[in-house]
Structure formats: structure tokens, C-alpha cells
Protein backbone atom coordinates (compact mmCIF):
# COMPACT_ATOMS: atom_id res chain seq x y z
CA MET A 1 -227.87 -4.78 82.87
CA ASP A 2 -227.27 -3.60 79.30
CA LYS A 3 -225.98 -6.51 77.16
CA ASN A 4 -223.17 -4.44 75.59
CA TYR A 5 -222.04 -3.29 79.03
CA GLU A 6 -222.06 -6.89 80.27
CA ILE A 7 -219.98 -8.06 77.31
CA THR A 8 -217.48 -5.21 77.72
CA LEU A 9 -217.16 -5.81 81.45
CA GLU A 10 -216.65 -9.54 80.95
CA GLN A 11 -214.07 -8.89 78.23
CA GLU A 12 -212.11 -6.40 80.35
CA THR A 13 -212.02 -8.65 83.42
CA ALA A 14 -210.99 -11.61 81.23
CA LYS A 15 -208.13 -9.50 79.82
CA GLU A 16 -206.97 -8.64 83.33
CA PHE A 17 -206.99 -12.30 84.34
CA GLY A 18 -205.13 -13.25 81.17
CA TRP A 19 -202.44 -10.60 81.54
CA GLU A 20 -201.94 -11.57 85.17
CA VAL A 21 -201.30 -15.17 84.09
CA MET A 22 -198.91 -14.03 81.37
CA ALA A 23 -197.00 -11.89 83.89
CA ASN A 24 -196.72 -14.86 86.26
CA PHE A 25 -195.35 -16.98 83.43
CA ARG A 26 -192.77 -14.32 82.58
CA ARG A 27 -191.58 -14.25 86.20
CA MET A 28 -190.88 -17.96 85.82
CA GLU A 29 -188.83 -17.48 82.66
CA ASP A 30 -186.21 -20.15 83.46
CA ASN A 31 -188.86 -22.76 84.30
CA LEU A 32 -190.84 -21.76 81.23
CA GLU A 33 -188.00 -22.60 78.87
CA GLU A 34 -187.25 -25.91 80.60
CA ASN A 35 -190.79 -27.16 81.17
CA LEU A 36 -192.77 -28.14 78.08
CA VAL A 37 -196.10 -28.18 79.94
CA LEU A 38 -195.63 -24.63 81.24
CA LYS A 39 -194.53 -23.47 77.80
CA LYS A 40 -197.62 -24.99 76.14
CA LEU A 41 -199.92 -23.43 78.76
CA TYR A 42 -198.24 -20.06 78.19
CA GLU A 43 -198.76 -20.35 74.44
CA LYS A 44 -202.40 -21.47 74.82
CA ILE A 45 -203.33 -18.65 77.20
CA GLY A 46 -201.54 -16.14 74.96
CA LYS A 47 -203.48 -17.37 71.93
CA GLU A 48 -206.82 -17.22 73.75
CA LEU A 49 -205.99 -13.76 75.11
CA LYS A 50 -205.60 -12.54 71.53
CA GLU A 51 -208.97 -14.06 70.62
CA LEU A 52 -210.94 -12.51 73.50
CA SER A 53 -212.63 -9.91 71.33
CA ASN A 54 -214.21 -12.72 69.26
CA MET A 55 -215.42 -14.78 72.23
CA ASN A 56 -218.94 -14.90 73.55
CA ILE A 57 -219.64 -14.32 77.24
CA GLU A 58 -219.57 -18.02 78.11
CA LYS A 59 -216.16 -18.50 76.49
CA MET A 60 -214.85 -15.44 78.35
CA LYS A 61 -216.09 -16.88 81.63
CA GLU A 62 -214.38 -20.19 80.84
CA PHE A 63 -211.18 -18.31 80.01
CA LYS A 64 -211.29 -16.54 83.39
CA ILE A 65 -211.74 -19.87 85.19
CA LYS A 66 -208.73 -21.31 83.33
CA CYS A 67 -206.66 -18.26 84.20
CA LYS A 68 -207.58 -18.42 87.86
CA PHE A 69 -206.70 -22.13 88.00
CA ILE A 70 -203.36 -21.64 86.24
CA ASN A 71 -202.53 -18.64 88.44
CA GLU A 72 -203.09 -20.72 91.56
CA ILE A 73 -200.69 -23.35 90.24
CA LEU A 74 -198.08 -20.77 89.22
CA ASP A 75 -198.34 -19.09 92.62
CA SER A 76 -197.72 -22.41 94.36
CA ILE A 77 -194.72 -23.14 92.11
CA GLN A 78 -193.23 -19.71 92.75
CA GLY A 79 -193.76 -20.16 96.48
CA GLU A 80 -191.59 -23.30 96.56
């Protein structure tokens, strides 16, 4: 696979994961303002999302793993 294509694909999927997490945080707006941990996670993911274009492939993969993990937690909180 072409290296540029691989980087672009990884970057685009990482963006999708990141925006999905951000959307889940926004749906929890009341909890976000009351819960310092959720607020810090929201800020951290938002910061990393802005830095995606400067990340290497490994960092993008790590970002996607973080996003998936956080999404699973947010989904379980929203389900309660």
C-alpha cells in the first residue's frame, strides 16, 4: 500500500473516531460540566484531535484506541 495513502487513511479514520467521542461527550453535557474527569478527557481528546495532522501513524493508532475505549465508557454511562 502506498505510504501516503496509508497515512491519509489512518488520519481520516482517527478523525472519525475522535469526532464520535466528542459527539458522545456533547450528548452528556450536564455530566460533562459536573464531572472533572469527563471534562479533562473531553479537553484531552479535543486537543489531540486538533494535532492529528502532525501525528505519525503509530500516534494515530494510539489515538484511535483511546477513542474506542472512551466511547465504550461513555456508551455505558449513557445507557444507565
